[in-house]
N, C-alpha and C. Protein backbone atom coordinates (compact mmCIF):
# COMPACT_ATOMS: atom_id res chain seq x y z
N HIS A 1 109.79 128.46 150.68
CA HIS A 1 110.59 129.61 151.05
C HIS A 1 111.52 129.20 152.18
N CYS A 2 112.80 129.44 152.01
CA CYS A 2 113.80 129.04 153.01
C CYS A 2 114.16 130.23 153.90
N PHE A 3 114.14 130.01 155.22
CA PHE A 3 114.47 131.07 156.17
C PHE A 3 115.88 130.93 156.73
N PHE A 4 116.54 129.81 156.44
CA PHE A 4 117.84 129.54 157.04
C PHE A 4 118.88 129.21 155.99
N PHE A 5 120.14 129.40 156.38
CA PHE A 5 121.25 129.11 155.49
C PHE A 5 122.30 128.31 156.24
N SER A 6 123.12 127.61 155.51
CA SER A 6 124.18 126.81 156.11
C SER A 6 125.03 127.67 157.03
N GLY A 7 125.27 127.20 158.24
CA GLY A 7 126.08 127.94 159.20
C GLY A 7 125.28 128.76 160.19
N ASP A 8 123.97 128.95 159.95
CA ASP A 8 123.13 129.69 160.91
C ASP A 8 123.11 128.95 162.24
N HIS A 9 123.12 129.69 163.33
CA HIS A 9 122.97 129.10 164.66
C HIS A 9 121.48 129.08 164.99
N VAL A 10 120.98 127.92 165.38
CA VAL A 10 119.56 127.76 165.67
C VAL A 10 119.35 126.94 166.94
N ILE A 11 118.16 127.07 167.51
CA ILE A 11 117.74 126.18 168.59
C ILE A 11 116.41 125.55 168.18
N PRO A 12 116.16 124.32 168.64
CA PRO A 12 114.91 123.64 168.25
C PRO A 12 113.71 124.20 168.99
N LEU A 13 112.55 124.11 168.33
CA LEU A 13 111.28 124.55 168.90
C LEU A 13 110.31 123.38 168.88
N PHE A 14 109.63 123.10 169.96
CA PHE A 14 108.61 122.05 169.88
C PHE A 14 107.25 122.65 169.53
N ILE A 15 107.14 123.98 169.58
CA ILE A 15 105.95 124.66 169.07
C ILE A 15 106.38 125.30 167.76
N SER A 16 105.79 124.83 166.67
CA SER A 16 106.24 125.26 165.36
C SER A 16 106.06 126.75 165.13
N GLN A 17 106.78 127.23 164.13
CA GLN A 17 106.77 128.65 163.79
C GLN A 17 106.99 128.75 162.28
N CYS A 18 105.89 128.65 161.50
CA CYS A 18 106.04 128.67 160.04
C CYS A 18 106.30 130.07 159.51
N ARG A 19 106.00 131.09 160.29
CA ARG A 19 106.21 132.49 159.95
C ARG A 19 105.28 133.00 158.84
N GLU A 20 104.31 132.17 158.42
CA GLU A 20 103.45 132.56 157.31
C GLU A 20 101.96 132.53 157.64
N CYS A 21 101.54 131.67 158.57
CA CYS A 21 100.10 131.56 158.87
C CYS A 21 99.63 132.77 159.68
N ARG A 22 98.32 132.90 159.81
CA ARG A 22 97.78 134.06 160.53
C ARG A 22 98.19 134.08 162.00
N PHE A 23 98.40 132.91 162.59
CA PHE A 23 98.80 132.86 164.00
C PHE A 23 100.24 133.33 164.18
N CYS A 24 101.13 132.89 163.29
CA CYS A 24 102.53 133.32 163.38
C CYS A 24 102.67 134.82 163.14
N LYS A 25 101.81 135.37 162.31
CA LYS A 25 101.88 136.81 162.02
C LYS A 25 101.22 137.66 163.11
N SER A 26 100.49 137.03 164.00
CA SER A 26 99.81 137.76 165.07
C SER A 26 100.72 137.89 166.29
N PRO A 27 100.76 139.07 166.92
CA PRO A 27 101.56 139.23 168.14
C PRO A 27 100.86 138.64 169.37
N LYS A 28 99.63 138.11 169.19
CA LYS A 28 98.84 137.64 170.33
C LYS A 28 98.97 136.14 170.61
N THR A 29 99.59 135.38 169.75
CA THR A 29 99.66 133.93 169.95
C THR A 29 100.93 133.35 169.36
N ASN A 30 101.27 132.15 169.79
CA ASN A 30 102.40 131.44 169.20
C ASN A 30 101.99 130.03 168.79
N GLN A 31 100.70 129.80 168.59
CA GLN A 31 100.22 128.48 168.19
C GLN A 31 100.09 128.41 166.68
N CYS A 32 101.19 128.09 166.04
CA CYS A 32 101.24 127.99 164.58
C CYS A 32 100.19 127.02 164.06
N ASP A 33 99.60 127.37 162.92
CA ASP A 33 98.57 126.57 162.28
C ASP A 33 99.11 125.22 161.83
N LYS A 34 100.41 125.11 161.62
CA LYS A 34 101.01 123.87 161.13
C LYS A 34 101.53 122.99 162.27
N GLY A 35 101.28 123.39 163.49
CA GLY A 35 101.86 122.68 164.62
C GLY A 35 101.01 121.56 165.17
N TRP A 36 101.56 120.89 166.18
CA TRP A 36 100.91 119.73 166.79
C TRP A 36 99.65 120.09 167.55
N ALA A 37 99.44 121.35 167.88
CA ALA A 37 98.27 121.74 168.66
C ALA A 37 97.00 121.82 167.81
N ASN A 38 97.11 121.60 166.52
CA ASN A 38 95.96 121.69 165.63
C ASN A 38 95.63 120.32 165.05
N PRO A 39 94.88 119.49 165.79
CA PRO A 39 94.56 118.15 165.30
C PRO A 39 93.74 118.20 164.02
N GLY A 40 93.95 117.21 163.19
CA GLY A 40 93.19 117.12 161.95
C GLY A 40 93.80 117.89 160.80
N ARG A 41 94.84 118.65 161.06
CA ARG A 41 95.51 119.39 160.00
C ARG A 41 96.88 118.77 159.75
N HIS A 42 97.50 119.13 158.65
CA HIS A 42 98.86 118.65 158.38
C HIS A 42 99.76 119.10 159.52
N ASN A 43 100.44 118.16 160.11
CA ASN A 43 101.29 118.47 161.26
C ASN A 43 102.75 118.37 160.86
N ALA A 44 103.35 119.52 160.57
CA ALA A 44 104.75 119.54 160.16
C ALA A 44 105.69 119.11 161.27
N MET A 45 105.23 119.21 162.51
CA MET A 45 106.09 118.89 163.65
C MET A 45 106.11 117.40 163.98
N ALA A 46 105.16 116.64 163.51
CA ALA A 46 105.14 115.20 163.80
C ALA A 46 104.79 114.42 162.54
N PRO A 47 105.67 114.46 161.54
CA PRO A 47 105.38 113.77 160.29
C PRO A 47 105.35 112.26 160.49
N LEU A 48 104.50 111.59 159.71
CA LEU A 48 104.44 110.13 159.79
C LEU A 48 105.57 109.50 158.99
N GLU A 49 106.18 110.28 158.14
CA GLU A 49 107.34 109.80 157.38
C GLU A 49 108.59 110.43 157.99
N SER A 50 109.70 109.73 157.88
CA SER A 50 110.94 110.24 158.45
C SER A 50 112.11 109.86 157.57
N ARG A 51 113.11 110.72 157.53
CA ARG A 51 114.34 110.41 156.81
C ARG A 51 115.34 109.71 157.72
N LEU A 52 114.98 109.53 158.98
CA LEU A 52 115.90 108.93 159.95
C LEU A 52 115.57 107.46 160.17
N THR A 53 116.62 106.64 160.26
CA THR A 53 116.44 105.22 160.55
C THR A 53 117.48 104.76 161.56
N CYS A 54 117.17 103.68 162.23
CA CYS A 54 118.12 103.03 163.14
C CYS A 54 117.98 101.53 162.94
N LYS A 55 119.06 100.89 162.52
CA LYS A 55 119.06 99.44 162.26
C LYS A 55 117.95 99.05 161.30
N GLY A 56 117.74 99.89 160.28
CA GLY A 56 116.77 99.61 159.25
C GLY A 56 115.33 99.98 159.58
N LYS A 57 115.07 100.46 160.77
CA LYS A 57 113.71 100.83 161.15
C LYS A 57 113.56 102.34 161.18
N LYS A 58 112.38 102.79 160.72
CA LYS A 58 112.09 104.22 160.71
C LYS A 58 112.06 104.76 162.14
N VAL A 59 112.65 105.94 162.34
CA VAL A 59 112.66 106.59 163.65
C VAL A 59 111.88 107.90 163.53
N LEU A 60 110.83 108.02 164.32
CA LEU A 60 110.06 109.27 164.34
C LEU A 60 110.65 110.19 165.40
N GLN A 61 110.37 111.48 165.26
CA GLN A 61 110.95 112.48 166.16
C GLN A 61 109.91 113.00 167.14
N PHE A 62 110.27 113.08 168.41
CA PHE A 62 109.37 113.63 169.41
C PHE A 62 109.11 115.10 169.11
N LEU A 63 107.85 115.44 168.88
CA LEU A 63 107.43 116.81 168.56
C LEU A 63 108.24 117.46 167.45
N GLY A 64 108.72 116.63 166.53
CA GLY A 64 109.41 117.17 165.36
C GLY A 64 110.81 117.66 165.61
N THR A 65 111.36 117.42 166.80
CA THR A 65 112.71 117.91 167.06
C THR A 65 113.72 116.79 167.20
N GLY A 66 113.37 115.71 167.88
CA GLY A 66 114.28 114.58 168.03
C GLY A 66 115.62 114.97 168.61
N THR A 67 115.61 115.70 169.70
CA THR A 67 116.85 116.30 170.18
C THR A 67 117.63 115.46 171.18
N PHE A 68 117.24 114.22 171.42
CA PHE A 68 118.07 113.34 172.25
C PHE A 68 119.09 112.66 171.34
N SER A 69 119.74 113.46 170.53
CA SER A 69 120.73 112.94 169.60
C SER A 69 121.76 114.03 169.32
N GLU A 70 122.92 113.60 168.88
CA GLU A 70 123.96 114.58 168.57
C GLU A 70 123.61 115.38 167.32
N TYR A 71 122.99 114.72 166.35
CA TYR A 71 122.57 115.37 165.11
C TYR A 71 121.10 115.05 164.87
N THR A 72 120.42 115.95 164.20
CA THR A 72 119.02 115.70 163.88
C THR A 72 118.67 116.42 162.58
N VAL A 73 117.63 115.96 161.94
CA VAL A 73 117.10 116.59 160.73
C VAL A 73 115.70 117.07 161.10
N VAL A 74 115.45 118.36 160.94
CA VAL A 74 114.15 118.91 161.32
C VAL A 74 113.59 119.81 160.22
N ASN A 75 112.29 119.96 160.24
CA ASN A 75 111.61 120.90 159.36
C ASN A 75 112.00 122.31 159.81
N GLN A 76 112.10 123.24 158.88
CA GLN A 76 112.51 124.60 159.26
C GLN A 76 111.52 125.29 160.18
N VAL A 77 110.29 124.78 160.27
CA VAL A 77 109.34 125.38 161.22
C VAL A 77 109.68 124.98 162.66
N ALA A 78 110.65 124.08 162.82
CA ALA A 78 111.00 123.57 164.15
C ALA A 78 112.28 124.18 164.71
N VAL A 79 112.76 125.27 164.11
CA VAL A 79 113.95 125.93 164.64
C VAL A 79 113.79 127.45 164.61
N ALA A 80 114.54 128.10 165.49
CA ALA A 80 114.58 129.56 165.52
C ALA A 80 116.04 129.98 165.45
N LYS A 81 116.31 130.99 164.65
CA LYS A 81 117.66 131.52 164.52
C LYS A 81 118.03 132.29 165.77
N ILE A 82 119.28 132.12 166.23
CA ILE A 82 119.76 132.84 167.40
C ILE A 82 121.02 133.61 167.06
N ASP A 83 121.41 134.51 167.93
CA ASP A 83 122.62 135.31 167.76
C ASP A 83 123.83 134.39 167.69
N PRO A 84 124.64 134.48 166.65
CA PRO A 84 125.81 133.60 166.54
C PRO A 84 126.82 133.79 167.66
N ALA A 85 126.75 134.90 168.37
CA ALA A 85 127.67 135.14 169.49
C ALA A 85 127.20 134.44 170.77
N ALA A 86 125.96 133.96 170.79
CA ALA A 86 125.43 133.29 171.99
C ALA A 86 126.16 131.96 172.18
N PRO A 87 126.58 131.66 173.40
CA PRO A 87 127.32 130.41 173.65
C PRO A 87 126.39 129.20 173.52
N LEU A 88 126.69 128.32 172.58
CA LEU A 88 125.82 127.18 172.30
C LEU A 88 125.68 126.24 173.50
N ASP A 89 126.72 126.14 174.33
CA ASP A 89 126.62 125.26 175.50
C ASP A 89 125.64 125.80 176.54
N LYS A 90 125.24 127.05 176.41
CA LYS A 90 124.26 127.64 177.34
C LYS A 90 122.87 127.69 176.71
N VAL A 91 122.76 128.16 175.48
CA VAL A 91 121.44 128.31 174.86
C VAL A 91 120.79 126.97 174.57
N CYS A 92 121.57 125.90 174.53
CA CYS A 92 120.98 124.59 174.29
C CYS A 92 120.06 124.17 175.43
N LEU A 93 120.17 124.81 176.57
CA LEU A 93 119.36 124.46 177.73
C LEU A 93 118.05 125.23 177.82
N ILE A 94 117.86 126.19 176.94
CA ILE A 94 116.62 126.97 176.99
C ILE A 94 115.49 126.09 176.46
N GLY A 95 114.52 125.86 177.28
CA GLY A 95 113.39 125.03 176.88
C GLY A 95 112.09 125.67 177.29
N CYS A 96 111.02 124.92 177.16
CA CYS A 96 109.70 125.48 177.46
C CYS A 96 109.53 125.82 178.93
N GLY A 97 110.26 125.14 179.81
CA GLY A 97 110.14 125.43 181.24
C GLY A 97 110.53 126.85 181.59
N ILE A 98 111.52 127.37 180.89
CA ILE A 98 111.99 128.73 181.17
C ILE A 98 110.89 129.74 180.84
N CYS A 99 110.38 129.71 179.62
CA CYS A 99 109.35 130.69 179.25
C CYS A 99 108.07 130.49 180.04
N THR A 100 107.75 129.26 180.39
CA THR A 100 106.54 129.00 181.16
C THR A 100 106.62 129.63 182.55
N GLY A 101 107.68 129.35 183.28
CA GLY A 101 107.82 129.89 184.64
C GLY A 101 108.04 131.38 184.67
N TYR A 102 108.97 131.84 183.85
CA TYR A 102 109.29 133.27 183.80
C TYR A 102 108.06 134.05 183.34
N GLY A 103 107.41 133.55 182.30
CA GLY A 103 106.22 134.21 181.77
C GLY A 103 105.06 134.21 182.75
N ALA A 104 104.94 133.14 183.55
CA ALA A 104 103.88 133.10 184.56
C ALA A 104 104.03 134.24 185.56
N ALA A 105 105.28 134.52 185.93
CA ALA A 105 105.53 135.60 186.90
C ALA A 105 105.39 136.98 186.27
N VAL A 106 105.99 137.15 185.11
CA VAL A 106 106.07 138.49 184.50
C VAL A 106 104.82 138.84 183.69
N ASN A 107 104.33 137.91 182.88
CA ASN A 107 103.22 138.22 181.97
C ASN A 107 101.84 137.88 182.52
N THR A 108 101.72 136.74 183.21
CA THR A 108 100.41 136.31 183.69
C THR A 108 100.08 136.91 185.06
N ALA A 109 100.94 136.65 186.05
CA ALA A 109 100.69 137.21 187.38
C ALA A 109 100.98 138.71 187.43
N LYS A 110 101.88 139.15 186.57
CA LYS A 110 102.31 140.56 186.55
C LYS A 110 102.82 140.98 187.93
N VAL A 111 103.81 140.22 188.42
CA VAL A 111 104.43 140.50 189.72
C VAL A 111 104.89 141.95 189.75
N GLU A 112 104.64 142.62 190.86
CA GLU A 112 104.94 144.05 190.98
C GLU A 112 106.18 144.29 191.83
N PRO A 113 106.90 145.39 191.55
CA PRO A 113 108.07 145.73 192.36
C PRO A 113 107.68 145.88 193.83
N GLY A 114 108.54 145.38 194.71
CA GLY A 114 108.30 145.49 196.14
C GLY A 114 107.37 144.44 196.72
N SER A 115 106.84 143.55 195.88
CA SER A 115 105.87 142.56 196.35
C SER A 115 106.55 141.35 197.00
N THR A 116 105.73 140.53 197.63
CA THR A 116 106.19 139.28 198.22
C THR A 116 105.54 138.14 197.45
N CYS A 117 106.38 137.18 197.03
CA CYS A 117 105.90 136.07 196.21
C CYS A 117 106.23 134.73 196.85
N ALA A 118 105.39 133.74 196.59
CA ALA A 118 105.68 132.35 196.95
C ALA A 118 105.68 131.54 195.67
N VAL A 119 106.72 130.73 195.49
CA VAL A 119 106.80 129.85 194.32
C VAL A 119 106.83 128.42 194.83
N PHE A 120 105.81 127.64 194.46
CA PHE A 120 105.69 126.25 194.89
C PHE A 120 106.26 125.33 193.82
N GLY A 121 107.29 124.57 194.16
CA GLY A 121 107.92 123.65 193.22
C GLY A 121 109.13 124.29 192.59
N LEU A 122 110.27 123.63 192.71
CA LEU A 122 111.52 124.22 192.22
C LEU A 122 112.20 123.37 191.16
N GLY A 123 111.38 122.87 190.23
CA GLY A 123 111.94 122.26 189.04
C GLY A 123 112.29 123.39 188.08
N ALA A 124 112.44 123.08 186.80
CA ALA A 124 112.79 124.11 185.82
C ALA A 124 111.76 125.24 185.78
N VAL A 125 110.47 124.89 185.79
CA VAL A 125 109.42 125.91 185.73
C VAL A 125 109.46 126.79 186.98
N GLY A 126 109.58 126.18 188.14
CA GLY A 126 109.61 126.94 189.39
C GLY A 126 110.81 127.85 189.51
N LEU A 127 111.99 127.34 189.14
CA LEU A 127 113.19 128.18 189.19
C LEU A 127 113.07 129.35 188.22
N ALA A 128 112.47 129.10 187.05
CA ALA A 128 112.26 130.19 186.10
C ALA A 128 111.25 131.20 186.65
N ALA A 129 110.26 130.73 187.40
CA ALA A 129 109.29 131.64 188.03
C ALA A 129 109.99 132.49 189.09
N VAL A 130 110.92 131.89 189.83
CA VAL A 130 111.71 132.66 190.80
C VAL A 130 112.48 133.76 190.07
N MET A 131 113.10 133.40 188.94
CA MET A 131 113.82 134.40 188.13
C MET A 131 112.90 135.52 187.68
N GLY A 132 111.69 135.15 187.23
CA GLY A 132 110.73 136.14 186.78
C GLY A 132 110.31 137.08 187.90
N CYS A 133 110.08 136.52 189.08
CA CYS A 133 109.72 137.36 190.24
C CYS A 133 110.84 138.34 190.56
N LYS A 134 112.06 137.84 190.52
CA LYS A 134 113.23 138.69 190.80
C LYS A 134 113.34 139.80 189.75
N ALA A 135 113.20 139.43 188.48
CA ALA A 135 113.30 140.41 187.40
C ALA A 135 112.21 141.47 187.49
N ALA A 136 111.04 141.07 188.00
CA ALA A 136 109.92 142.01 188.12
C ALA A 136 110.06 142.91 189.34
N GLY A 137 111.07 142.66 190.17
CA GLY A 137 111.33 143.53 191.31
C GLY A 137 110.72 143.11 192.62
N ALA A 138 110.33 141.83 192.73
CA ALA A 138 109.77 141.36 194.01
C ALA A 138 110.78 141.57 195.13
N LYS A 139 110.30 142.02 196.27
CA LYS A 139 111.16 142.28 197.43
C LYS A 139 111.51 140.98 198.14
N ARG A 140 110.54 140.09 198.22
CA ARG A 140 110.75 138.83 198.93
C ARG A 140 110.17 137.70 198.09
N ILE A 141 110.98 136.65 197.89
CA ILE A 141 110.56 135.50 197.11
C ILE A 141 110.77 134.26 197.97
N ILE A 142 109.67 133.63 198.35
CA ILE A 142 109.72 132.44 199.20
C ILE A 142 109.58 131.21 198.31
N ALA A 143 110.65 130.41 198.24
CA ALA A 143 110.65 129.19 197.45
C ALA A 143 110.17 128.04 198.32
N VAL A 144 109.23 127.25 197.81
CA VAL A 144 108.63 126.17 198.59
C VAL A 144 108.82 124.85 197.84
N ASP A 145 109.45 123.88 198.51
CA ASP A 145 109.65 122.57 197.89
C ASP A 145 109.90 121.54 198.98
N ILE A 146 109.53 120.28 198.72
CA ILE A 146 109.74 119.22 199.70
C ILE A 146 111.14 118.62 199.61
N ASN A 147 111.93 119.05 198.65
CA ASN A 147 113.30 118.56 198.49
C ASN A 147 114.27 119.61 199.04
N PRO A 148 114.91 119.35 200.18
CA PRO A 148 115.80 120.34 200.79
C PRO A 148 117.03 120.67 199.94
N GLU A 149 117.38 119.77 199.02
CA GLU A 149 118.54 120.01 198.16
C GLU A 149 118.31 121.16 197.18
N LYS A 150 117.08 121.57 197.02
CA LYS A 150 116.77 122.65 196.07
C LYS A 150 116.90 124.04 196.69
N ALA A 151 117.15 124.12 197.97
CA ALA A 151 117.21 125.41 198.67
C ALA A 151 118.30 126.32 198.12
N GLU A 152 119.50 125.81 198.00
CA GLU A 152 120.62 126.64 197.55
C GLU A 152 120.44 127.10 196.12
N LYS A 153 119.98 126.21 195.25
CA LYS A 153 119.76 126.58 193.84
C LYS A 153 118.70 127.66 193.74
N ALA A 154 117.66 127.56 194.55
CA ALA A 154 116.60 128.58 194.54
C ALA A 154 117.16 129.94 194.91
N LYS A 155 118.07 129.97 195.86
CA LYS A 155 118.66 131.25 196.27
C LYS A 155 119.56 131.82 195.17
N VAL A 156 120.24 130.94 194.44
CA VAL A 156 121.06 131.39 193.30
C VAL A 156 120.16 132.06 192.25
N PHE A 157 118.95 131.53 192.07
CA PHE A 157 118.03 132.07 191.07
C PHE A 157 117.26 133.29 191.57
N GLY A 158 117.40 133.64 192.85
CA GLY A 158 116.77 134.87 193.35
C GLY A 158 115.86 134.73 194.55
N ALA A 159 115.66 133.52 195.06
CA ALA A 159 114.79 133.36 196.23
C ALA A 159 115.45 133.95 197.47
N SER A 160 114.65 134.58 198.30
CA SER A 160 115.16 135.13 199.56
C SER A 160 114.98 134.15 200.71
N ASP A 161 113.99 133.26 200.60
CA ASP A 161 113.68 132.29 201.66
C ASP A 161 113.39 130.93 201.03
N PHE A 162 113.58 129.89 201.81
CA PHE A 162 113.21 128.53 201.39
C PHE A 162 112.39 127.89 202.50
N VAL A 163 111.28 127.28 202.13
CA VAL A 163 110.43 126.59 203.09
C VAL A 163 110.17 125.17 202.59
N ASN A 164 110.42 124.20 203.46
CA ASN A 164 110.11 122.81 203.16
C ASN A 164 108.86 122.44 203.96
N PRO A 165 107.74 122.16 203.29
CA PRO A 165 106.51 121.83 204.01
C PRO A 165 106.67 120.66 204.98
N LYS A 166 107.61 119.76 204.69
CA LYS A 166 107.82 118.59 205.56
C LYS A 166 108.42 118.99 206.92
N ASP A 167 108.97 120.19 207.00
CA ASP A 167 109.56 120.65 208.25
C ASP A 167 108.52 121.28 209.18
N HIS A 168 107.26 121.31 208.76
CA HIS A 168 106.22 121.99 209.54
C HIS A 168 105.03 121.06 209.78
N SER A 169 104.44 121.17 210.95
CA SER A 169 103.27 120.34 211.27
C SER A 169 101.97 121.04 210.84
N LYS A 170 102.02 122.34 210.67
CA LYS A 170 100.82 123.08 210.27
C LYS A 170 100.79 123.26 208.74
N PRO A 171 99.64 123.60 208.19
CA PRO A 171 99.53 123.79 206.73
C PRO A 171 100.50 124.87 206.25
N ILE A 172 101.03 124.67 205.06
CA ILE A 172 102.02 125.60 204.51
C ILE A 172 101.40 126.99 204.33
N SER A 173 100.11 127.07 204.06
CA SER A 173 99.46 128.38 203.92
C SER A 173 99.56 129.16 205.23
N GLN A 174 99.44 128.46 206.34
CA GLN A 174 99.56 129.12 207.65
C GLN A 174 101.01 129.54 207.91
N VAL A 175 101.95 128.69 207.53
CA VAL A 175 103.37 129.02 207.70
C VAL A 175 103.70 130.30 206.92
N LEU A 176 103.25 130.36 205.67
CA LEU A 176 103.52 131.54 204.84
C LEU A 176 102.82 132.77 205.39
N SER A 177 101.62 132.61 205.87
CA SER A 177 100.88 133.73 206.44
C SER A 177 101.62 134.31 207.64
N GLU A 178 102.16 133.44 208.48
CA GLU A 178 102.91 133.90 209.65
C GLU A 178 104.24 134.55 209.25
N MET A 179 104.86 134.04 208.20
CA MET A 179 106.14 134.59 207.74
C MET A 179 105.99 135.98 207.13
N THR A 180 104.78 136.26 206.62
CA THR A 180 104.59 137.47 205.81
C THR A 180 103.58 138.44 206.40
N ASP A 181 103.22 138.25 207.64
CA ASP A 181 102.24 139.12 208.28
C ASP A 181 100.92 139.13 207.52
N GLY A 182 100.44 137.94 207.17
CA GLY A 182 99.12 137.87 206.55
C GLY A 182 99.04 137.21 205.19
N GLY A 183 100.14 136.97 204.55
CA GLY A 183 100.11 136.29 203.25
C GLY A 183 100.94 136.97 202.19
N VAL A 184 101.13 136.27 201.10
CA VAL A 184 101.94 136.79 199.99
C VAL A 184 101.07 137.57 199.02
N ASP A 185 101.71 138.38 198.19
CA ASP A 185 100.99 139.13 197.17
C ASP A 185 100.73 138.28 195.93
N PHE A 186 101.69 137.41 195.61
CA PHE A 186 101.59 136.56 194.42
C PHE A 186 102.03 135.15 194.78
N SER A 187 101.28 134.17 194.32
CA SER A 187 101.60 132.77 194.57
C SER A 187 101.62 132.04 193.23
N LEU A 188 102.73 131.38 192.94
CA LEU A 188 102.86 130.66 191.67
C LEU A 188 103.04 129.18 191.94
N GLU A 189 102.10 128.37 191.44
CA GLU A 189 102.13 126.93 191.63
C GLU A 189 102.82 126.30 190.43
N CYS A 190 103.98 125.71 190.64
CA CYS A 190 104.79 125.16 189.55
C CYS A 190 105.03 123.66 189.72
N VAL A 191 104.10 123.00 190.39
CA VAL A 191 104.20 121.56 190.61
C VAL A 191 103.23 120.82 189.69
N GLY A 192 102.07 121.40 189.46
CA GLY A 192 101.04 120.73 188.68
C GLY A 192 100.19 119.83 189.57
N SER A 193 100.06 120.21 190.83
CA SER A 193 99.32 119.41 191.80
C SER A 193 98.11 120.19 192.31
N VAL A 194 96.93 119.59 192.19
CA VAL A 194 95.72 120.24 192.68
C VAL A 194 95.80 120.44 194.19
N ALA A 195 96.42 119.50 194.89
CA ALA A 195 96.55 119.61 196.34
C ALA A 195 97.37 120.84 196.73
N VAL A 196 98.37 121.18 195.93
CA VAL A 196 99.19 122.37 196.22
C VAL A 196 98.37 123.63 195.99
N MET A 197 97.54 123.61 194.97
CA MET A 197 96.71 124.78 194.67
C MET A 197 95.77 125.06 195.81
């Protein structure tokens, strides 16, 4: 069954979406039965065979998308149709970091209007978390990162404050506690470091 037609605007997905299995039909999950997260089953996203070659050698695709190229051939479970009016030079940048950070703030932490948040780490996930906090109505969003060059970008995404732990001799938890009269309401760790947690 074909879901797409020539000329459709699409973006690649590294988490497959067959639209037919019980997981795809459920509103509670996005882990398609045909995807890479299900070991031991046919994996449509990482086939061992490929139609792509380079200098006579078979080229496999990272997570079934192979998007470090101008053109690619993918299984239809690896793309999602988008609004043809959406600017392709912008939507091409939407990746897993956006939904991870934004979703952490809005869906997992359930940031509340008027709250104070701290976001640790200002890579793609952290900046998306800042956006999520802002969208949820947080009154104050404190962006925390050891790279001072990220301060301005964090403010563009919605941060009200920037703190660099390297600028302080005391623990960052104490710095935040003093800044907020006792601590933040929500803290989002977007570095992946146990020490930060």
